[in-house]
Amino acid sequence: VEVTLKDLNGQQVSLSDFRGKIVFINFWTTWCLACVIEMPSMEKLHQKFKDKDFVMLAINLQESASKIKQFYKEYKLTFTTLLDTTGDVGTGFGIRSIPTTYILDKNGRIIGKALGPREWESKESIALFEYLTESYVASSI
């Protein structure tokens, strides 16, 4: 999976920049109540794993950077948001509903998908990401 989008500061970010890390990708919008509900738990997960081989990316579908910056300020979010201004990346990932989350292994391959909101700071989620960042060995196949 290769994607290059701009972040909230206009910098180009590519998924390939994060090879060697577990990548959490969440597709969302500010008008999606379920997306908004799960953001605080995403922030908690981000804070717990940001210093490990883990990166959290929220890909916003077709909203302005200024609107998202205000939303991030209001909800005190610190993980990276990328702007899918055309919706093409969401379409490429087959997004039919939001929030939708993908987990990529350290080689950039999709190893998990979650439809709908989750409690990302739950014991089960923490255990999963501890395993993925510390023990999981990606197949080279």
N, C-alpha and C. Protein backbone atom coordinates (compact mmCIF):
# COMPACT_ATOMS: atom_id res chain seq x y z
N VAL A 1 0.86 -1.18 0.00
CA VAL A 1 0.00 0.00 0.00
C VAL A 1 0.90 1.23 0.00
N GLU A 2 0.76 2.08 -1.00
CA GLU A 2 1.52 3.33 -1.02
C GLU A 2 0.57 4.51 -1.16
N VAL A 3 0.73 5.45 -0.27
CA VAL A 3 -0.11 6.64 -0.24
C VAL A 3 0.78 7.82 0.12
N THR A 4 0.58 8.94 -0.55
CA THR A 4 1.24 10.19 -0.18
C THR A 4 0.18 11.27 -0.11
N LEU A 5 0.07 11.91 1.05
CA LEU A 5 -0.89 12.99 1.28
C LEU A 5 -0.20 14.10 2.07
N LYS A 6 -0.84 15.26 2.13
CA LYS A 6 -0.33 16.37 2.93
C LYS A 6 -0.89 16.30 4.34
N ASP A 7 -0.05 16.72 5.30
CA ASP A 7 -0.52 16.82 6.68
C ASP A 7 -1.12 18.22 6.90
N LEU A 8 -1.47 18.53 8.14
CA LEU A 8 -2.12 19.81 8.43
C LEU A 8 -1.21 21.01 8.21
N ASN A 9 0.10 20.78 8.10
CA ASN A 9 1.05 21.86 7.86
C ASN A 9 1.48 21.94 6.40
N GLY A 10 0.85 21.13 5.55
CA GLY A 10 1.16 21.16 4.12
C GLY A 10 2.36 20.31 3.73
N GLN A 11 2.92 19.54 4.66
CA GLN A 11 4.06 18.68 4.37
C GLN A 11 3.59 17.35 3.77
N GLN A 12 4.29 16.87 2.75
CA GLN A 12 3.96 15.58 2.14
C GLN A 12 4.38 14.45 3.09
N VAL A 13 3.48 13.52 3.29
CA VAL A 13 3.75 12.35 4.13
C VAL A 13 3.39 11.11 3.33
N SER A 14 4.31 10.15 3.28
CA SER A 14 4.07 8.89 2.56
C SER A 14 4.03 7.73 3.55
N LEU A 15 3.18 6.76 3.28
CA LEU A 15 3.16 5.58 4.13
C LEU A 15 4.52 4.90 4.17
N SER A 16 5.24 4.95 3.05
CA SER A 16 6.56 4.30 3.00
C SER A 16 7.55 4.95 3.98
N ASP A 17 7.27 6.17 4.44
CA ASP A 17 8.12 6.83 5.44
C ASP A 17 8.14 6.03 6.74
N PHE A 18 7.14 5.17 6.94
CA PHE A 18 6.97 4.48 8.22
C PHE A 18 7.29 2.99 8.15
N ARG A 19 8.02 2.55 7.11
CA ARG A 19 8.44 1.15 7.06
C ARG A 19 9.22 0.85 8.33
N GLY A 20 9.01 -0.32 8.88
CA GLY A 20 9.65 -0.68 10.14
C GLY A 20 8.81 -0.35 11.35
N LYS A 21 7.64 0.26 11.11
CA LYS A 21 6.71 0.58 12.20
C LYS A 21 5.35 -0.04 11.91
N ILE A 22 4.61 -0.33 12.98
CA ILE A 22 3.21 -0.69 12.85
C ILE A 22 2.46 0.61 12.57
N VAL A 23 1.63 0.63 11.54
CA VAL A 23 0.91 1.85 11.16
C VAL A 23 -0.58 1.66 11.38
N PHE A 24 -1.15 2.55 12.17
CA PHE A 24 -2.57 2.60 12.48
C PHE A 24 -3.15 3.70 11.60
N ILE A 25 -4.06 3.35 10.70
CA ILE A 25 -4.66 4.33 9.78
C ILE A 25 -6.16 4.37 10.04
N ASN A 26 -6.66 5.55 10.39
CA ASN A 26 -8.08 5.72 10.68
C ASN A 26 -8.67 6.73 9.71
N PHE A 27 -9.70 6.31 8.96
CA PHE A 27 -10.41 7.22 8.05
C PHE A 27 -11.57 7.84 8.81
N TRP A 28 -11.70 9.17 8.71
CA TRP A 28 -12.67 9.87 9.55
C TRP A 28 -13.08 11.22 8.97
N THR A 29 -14.09 11.84 9.59
CA THR A 29 -14.48 13.23 9.33
C THR A 29 -14.93 13.85 10.66
N THR A 30 -14.97 15.17 10.70
CA THR A 30 -15.41 15.86 11.92
C THR A 30 -16.92 15.76 12.11
N TRP A 31 -17.67 15.53 11.03
CA TRP A 31 -19.14 15.46 11.14
C TRP A 31 -19.64 14.06 11.48
N CYS A 32 -18.75 13.10 11.55
CA CYS A 32 -19.10 11.71 11.87
C CYS A 32 -19.06 11.53 13.39
N LEU A 33 -20.22 11.39 14.02
CA LEU A 33 -20.29 11.28 15.48
C LEU A 33 -19.49 10.09 16.00
N ALA A 34 -19.59 8.94 15.33
CA ALA A 34 -18.84 7.76 15.76
C ALA A 34 -17.33 8.01 15.70
N CYS A 35 -16.90 8.77 14.69
CA CYS A 35 -15.48 9.12 14.56
C CYS A 35 -15.04 9.98 15.75
N VAL A 36 -15.86 10.98 16.04
CA VAL A 36 -15.56 11.90 17.14
C VAL A 36 -15.50 11.15 18.47
N ILE A 37 -16.42 10.21 18.67
CA ILE A 37 -16.49 9.45 19.91
C ILE A 37 -15.21 8.64 20.14
N GLU A 38 -14.61 8.08 19.07
CA GLU A 38 -13.43 7.23 19.28
C GLU A 38 -12.11 8.01 19.33
N MET A 39 -12.12 9.29 18.98
CA MET A 39 -10.88 10.06 18.95
C MET A 39 -10.14 10.10 20.30
N PRO A 40 -10.82 10.32 21.43
CA PRO A 40 -10.08 10.33 22.71
C PRO A 40 -9.36 9.01 22.99
N SER A 41 -9.98 7.88 22.65
CA SER A 41 -9.30 6.60 22.89
C SER A 41 -8.14 6.40 21.91
N MET A 42 -8.27 6.95 20.71
CA MET A 42 -7.14 6.91 19.77
C MET A 42 -5.97 7.72 20.33
N GLU A 43 -6.27 8.89 20.89
CA GLU A 43 -5.21 9.72 21.47
C GLU A 43 -4.50 8.97 22.61
N LYS A 44 -5.26 8.27 23.43
CA LYS A 44 -4.65 7.50 24.53
C LYS A 44 -3.74 6.39 23.98
N LEU A 45 -4.19 5.71 22.95
CA LEU A 45 -3.36 4.67 22.32
C LEU A 45 -2.09 5.29 21.74
N HIS A 46 -2.26 6.40 21.06
CA HIS A 46 -1.12 7.12 20.48
C HIS A 46 -0.10 7.48 21.57
N GLN A 47 -0.58 8.04 22.67
CA GLN A 47 0.32 8.43 23.75
C GLN A 47 1.07 7.23 24.32
N LYS A 48 0.39 6.10 24.42
CA LYS A 48 1.01 4.90 24.99
C LYS A 48 2.09 4.31 24.08
N PHE A 49 1.89 4.39 22.76
CA PHE A 49 2.79 3.70 21.83
C PHE A 49 3.65 4.62 20.96
N LYS A 50 3.53 5.92 21.08
CA LYS A 50 4.23 6.84 20.17
C LYS A 50 5.75 6.71 20.23
N ASP A 51 6.29 6.20 21.34
CA ASP A 51 7.74 6.05 21.45
C ASP A 51 8.22 4.65 21.07
N LYS A 52 7.32 3.84 20.53
CA LYS A 52 7.66 2.49 20.09
C LYS A 52 7.62 2.46 18.56
N ASP A 53 7.73 1.29 17.96
CA ASP A 53 7.65 1.16 16.50
C ASP A 53 6.20 1.21 16.06
N PHE A 54 5.58 2.38 16.23
CA PHE A 54 4.15 2.56 16.01
C PHE A 54 3.91 3.99 15.55
N VAL A 55 3.02 4.15 14.58
CA VAL A 55 2.61 5.49 14.18
C VAL A 55 1.10 5.47 13.93
N MET A 56 0.45 6.53 14.39
CA MET A 56 -0.99 6.68 14.18
C MET A 56 -1.22 7.78 13.16
N LEU A 57 -1.99 7.45 12.13
CA LEU A 57 -2.36 8.41 11.10
C LEU A 57 -3.87 8.43 10.97
N ALA A 58 -4.44 9.62 11.07
CA ALA A 58 -5.86 9.78 10.82
C ALA A 58 -5.98 10.42 9.44
N ILE A 59 -6.70 9.77 8.53
CA ILE A 59 -6.87 10.32 7.19
C ILE A 59 -8.26 10.92 7.10
N ASN A 60 -8.30 12.25 7.01
CA ASN A 60 -9.57 12.95 6.95
C ASN A 60 -10.07 12.99 5.52
N LEU A 61 -11.34 12.72 5.36
CA LEU A 61 -11.95 12.67 4.04
C LEU A 61 -12.61 14.00 3.68
N GLN A 62 -11.96 14.75 2.82
CA GLN A 62 -12.52 15.90 2.13
C GLN A 62 -12.93 17.07 3.00
N GLU A 63 -12.20 17.34 4.09
CA GLU A 63 -12.47 18.54 4.88
C GLU A 63 -11.23 19.45 4.85
N SER A 64 -11.42 20.70 5.21
CA SER A 64 -10.33 21.68 5.13
C SER A 64 -9.39 21.55 6.32
N ALA A 65 -8.13 21.92 6.09
CA ALA A 65 -7.13 21.88 7.15
C ALA A 65 -7.53 22.79 8.30
N SER A 66 -8.10 23.96 8.01
CA SER A 66 -8.47 24.88 9.08
C SER A 66 -9.56 24.29 9.98
N LYS A 67 -10.52 23.61 9.39
CA LYS A 67 -11.59 22.97 10.18
C LYS A 67 -11.00 21.88 11.07
N ILE A 68 -10.09 21.09 10.53
CA ILE A 68 -9.49 19.99 11.28
C ILE A 68 -8.58 20.53 12.39
N LYS A 69 -7.83 21.59 12.11
CA LYS A 69 -6.97 22.20 13.13
C LYS A 69 -7.80 22.64 14.33
N GLN A 70 -8.95 23.25 14.06
CA GLN A 70 -9.83 23.69 15.15
C GLN A 70 -10.34 22.48 15.94
N PHE A 71 -10.72 21.44 15.23
CA PHE A 71 -11.19 20.20 15.87
C PHE A 71 -10.09 19.60 16.74
N TYR A 72 -8.86 19.54 16.23
CA TYR A 72 -7.73 18.99 16.99
C TYR A 72 -7.47 19.80 18.25
N LYS A 73 -7.58 21.12 18.13
CA LYS A 73 -7.37 21.99 19.29
C LYS A 73 -8.44 21.73 20.34
N GLU A 74 -9.68 21.66 19.89
CA GLU A 74 -10.81 21.44 20.81
C GLU A 74 -10.71 20.11 21.55
N TYR A 75 -10.29 19.06 20.85
CA TYR A 75 -10.23 17.72 21.44
C TYR A 75 -8.83 17.35 21.95
N LYS A 76 -7.87 18.29 21.85
CA LYS A 76 -6.50 18.08 22.35
C LYS A 76 -5.86 16.82 21.74
N LEU A 77 -5.93 16.73 20.43
CA LEU A 77 -5.37 15.58 19.71
C LEU A 77 -3.97 15.92 19.20
N THR A 78 -3.08 14.95 19.25
CA THR A 78 -1.69 15.20 18.84
C THR A 78 -1.20 14.28 17.73
N PHE A 79 -1.94 13.23 17.39
CA PHE A 79 -1.49 12.33 16.32
C PHE A 79 -1.68 13.00 14.96
N THR A 80 -0.98 12.51 13.97
CA THR A 80 -0.96 13.12 12.64
C THR A 80 -2.26 12.88 11.87
N THR A 81 -2.76 13.95 11.26
CA THR A 81 -3.87 13.81 10.32
C THR A 81 -3.35 14.14 8.93
N LEU A 82 -3.75 13.32 7.98
CA LEU A 82 -3.45 13.56 6.57
C LEU A 82 -4.74 13.93 5.86
N LEU A 83 -4.62 14.75 4.82
CA LEU A 83 -5.79 15.28 4.13
C LEU A 83 -6.02 14.56 2.80
N ASP A 84 -7.12 13.82 2.74
CA ASP A 84 -7.55 13.18 1.50
C ASP A 84 -8.60 14.10 0.88
N THR A 85 -8.13 15.19 0.29
CA THR A 85 -9.03 16.25 -0.18
C THR A 85 -9.95 15.81 -1.31
N THR A 86 -9.52 14.82 -2.08
CA THR A 86 -10.34 14.35 -3.20
C THR A 86 -11.17 13.12 -2.85
N GLY A 87 -10.80 12.44 -1.76
CA GLY A 87 -11.47 11.19 -1.40
C GLY A 87 -10.90 9.98 -2.13
N ASP A 88 -9.89 10.20 -2.98
CA ASP A 88 -9.34 9.11 -3.79
C ASP A 88 -8.67 8.02 -2.95
N VAL A 89 -7.99 8.42 -1.88
CA VAL A 89 -7.31 7.42 -1.03
C VAL A 89 -8.36 6.57 -0.31
N GLY A 90 -9.39 7.22 0.22
CA GLY A 90 -10.48 6.48 0.86
C GLY A 90 -11.12 5.50 -0.11
N THR A 91 -11.33 5.93 -1.33
CA THR A 91 -11.90 5.05 -2.36
C THR A 91 -10.95 3.89 -2.64
N GLY A 92 -9.66 4.19 -2.73
CA GLY A 92 -8.66 3.16 -2.98
C GLY A 92 -8.60 2.11 -1.88
N PHE A 93 -8.87 2.52 -0.65
CA PHE A 93 -8.91 1.59 0.48
C PHE A 93 -10.27 0.90 0.60
N GLY A 94 -11.21 1.27 -0.28
CA GLY A 94 -12.52 0.63 -0.24
C GLY A 94 -13.39 1.10 0.91
N ILE A 95 -13.20 2.35 1.35
CA ILE A 95 -13.97 2.87 2.48
C ILE A 95 -15.43 3.02 2.08
N ARG A 96 -16.30 2.35 2.81
CA ARG A 96 -17.75 2.43 2.58
C ARG A 96 -18.46 3.13 3.74
N SER A 97 -17.83 3.09 4.92
CA SER A 97 -18.39 3.76 6.10
C SER A 97 -17.23 4.23 6.96
N ILE A 98 -17.52 5.20 7.81
CA ILE A 98 -16.49 5.71 8.71
C ILE A 98 -17.04 5.70 10.13
N PRO A 99 -16.16 5.56 11.11
CA PRO A 99 -14.73 5.36 10.96
C PRO A 99 -14.38 3.94 10.50
N THR A 100 -13.33 3.86 9.73
CA THR A 100 -12.73 2.57 9.35
C THR A 100 -11.24 2.67 9.65
N THR A 101 -10.72 1.65 10.30
CA THR A 101 -9.31 1.64 10.70
C THR A 101 -8.61 0.44 10.07
N TYR A 102 -7.41 0.70 9.56
CA TYR A 102 -6.55 -0.36 9.04
C TYR A 102 -5.28 -0.40 9.88
N ILE A 103 -4.76 -1.60 10.06
CA ILE A 103 -3.47 -1.78 10.72
C ILE A 103 -2.52 -2.37 9.68
N LEU A 104 -1.36 -1.71 9.51
CA LEU A 104 -0.34 -2.18 8.57
C LEU A 104 0.84 -2.73 9.35
N ASP A 105 1.42 -3.82 8.86
CA ASP A 105 2.60 -4.38 9.52
C ASP A 105 3.83 -3.54 9.18
N LYS A 106 4.96 -3.95 9.70
CA LYS A 106 6.20 -3.18 9.53
C LYS A 106 6.70 -3.16 8.09
N ASN A 107 6.12 -4.02 7.24
CA ASN A 107 6.45 -4.01 5.81
C ASN A 107 5.42 -3.25 4.99
N GLY A 108 4.44 -2.65 5.65
CA GLY A 108 3.43 -1.86 4.95
C GLY A 108 2.25 -2.64 4.42
N ARG A 109 2.10 -3.89 4.86
CA ARG A 109 0.97 -4.71 4.41
C ARG A 109 -0.18 -4.65 5.41
N ILE A 110 -1.40 -4.65 4.89
CA ILE A 110 -2.58 -4.62 5.74
C ILE A 110 -2.69 -5.95 6.49
N ILE A 111 -2.77 -5.87 7.82
CA ILE A 111 -2.92 -7.08 8.64
C ILE A 111 -4.19 -7.02 9.49
N GLY A 112 -4.90 -5.89 9.45
CA GLY A 112 -6.13 -5.79 10.23
C GLY A 112 -7.01 -4.67 9.75
N LYS A 113 -8.32 -4.82 10.00
CA LYS A 113 -9.30 -3.81 9.62
C LYS A 113 -10.40 -3.79 10.67
N ALA A 114 -10.81 -2.60 11.08
CA ALA A 114 -11.91 -2.46 12.04
C ALA A 114 -12.93 -1.49 11.45
N LEU A 115 -14.17 -1.93 11.37
CA LEU A 115 -15.25 -1.07 10.90
C LEU A 115 -15.98 -0.51 12.11
N GLY A 116 -16.22 0.78 12.12
CA GLY A 116 -16.92 1.39 13.24
C GLY A 116 -15.97 1.79 14.36
N PRO A 117 -16.51 2.51 15.35
CA PRO A 117 -15.67 3.00 16.45
C PRO A 117 -15.24 1.87 17.38
N ARG A 118 -14.10 2.07 18.01
CA ARG A 118 -13.55 1.10 18.96
C ARG A 118 -13.05 1.84 20.20
N GLU A 119 -12.90 1.10 21.28
CA GLU A 119 -12.25 1.61 22.49
C GLU A 119 -10.78 1.22 22.36
N TRP A 120 -10.00 2.09 21.75
CA TRP A 120 -8.62 1.76 21.42
C TRP A 120 -7.72 1.67 22.64
N GLU A 121 -8.16 2.18 23.79
CA GLU A 121 -7.33 2.07 24.98
C GLU A 121 -7.72 0.88 25.85
N SER A 122 -8.58 0.00 25.33
CA SER A 122 -8.99 -1.19 26.08
C SER A 122 -7.80 -2.13 26.31
N LYS A 123 -7.92 -3.00 27.31
CA LYS A 123 -6.85 -3.96 27.60
C LYS A 123 -6.53 -4.81 26.37
N GLU A 124 -7.56 -5.20 25.63
CA GLU A 124 -7.36 -6.04 24.44
C GLU A 124 -6.57 -5.30 23.36
N SER A 125 -6.92 -4.04 23.14
CA SER A 125 -6.20 -3.24 22.14
C SER A 125 -4.76 -3.02 22.55
N ILE A 126 -4.56 -2.69 23.82
CA ILE A 126 -3.20 -2.47 24.32
C ILE A 126 -2.37 -3.75 24.13
N ALA A 127 -2.96 -4.89 24.48
CA ALA A 127 -2.25 -6.17 24.33
C ALA A 127 -1.91 -6.43 22.87
N LEU A 128 -2.85 -6.14 21.97
CA LEU A 128 -2.60 -6.34 20.54
C LEU A 128 -1.42 -5.49 20.07
N PHE A 129 -1.43 -4.20 20.41
CA PHE A 129 -0.37 -3.33 19.91
C PHE A 129 0.96 -3.59 20.62
N GLU A 130 0.93 -4.06 21.86
CA GLU A 130 2.18 -4.49 22.50
C GLU A 130 2.77 -5.67 21.74
N TYR A 131 1.92 -6.62 21.38
CA TYR A 131 2.39 -7.77 20.60
C TYR A 131 2.94 -7.32 19.24
N LEU A 132 2.19 -6.48 18.55
CA LEU A 132 2.60 -6.06 17.21
C LEU A 132 3.91 -5.27 17.23
N THR A 133 4.08 -4.40 18.22
CA THR A 133 5.29 -3.57 18.25
C THR A 133 6.50 -4.30 18.81
N GLU A 134 6.28 -5.31 19.65
CA GLU A 134 7.40 -5.96 20.32
C GLU A 134 7.72 -7.36 19.81
N SER A 135 6.70 -8.13 19.43
CA SER A 135 6.92 -9.55 19.14
C SER A 135 6.61 -9.97 17.72
N TYR A 136 5.69 -9.27 17.07
CA TYR A 136 5.21 -9.68 15.76
C TYR A 136 6.33 -9.61 14.73
N VAL A 137 6.51 -10.68 14.00
CA VAL A 137 7.49 -10.71 12.91
C VAL A 137 6.72 -10.81 11.60
N ALA A 138 6.84 -9.78 10.79
CA ALA A 138 6.12 -9.75 9.52
C ALA A 138 6.70 -10.77 8.55
N SER A 139 5.83 -11.44 7.85
CA SER A 139 6.25 -12.40 6.84
C SER A 139 6.84 -11.65 5.65
N SER A 140 7.80 -12.24 5.02
CA SER A 140 8.40 -11.60 3.84
C SER A 140 7.73 -12.06 2.55
N ILE A 141 6.69 -12.86 2.69
CA ILE A 141 5.99 -13.40 1.51
C ILE A 141 5.08 -12.35 0.93
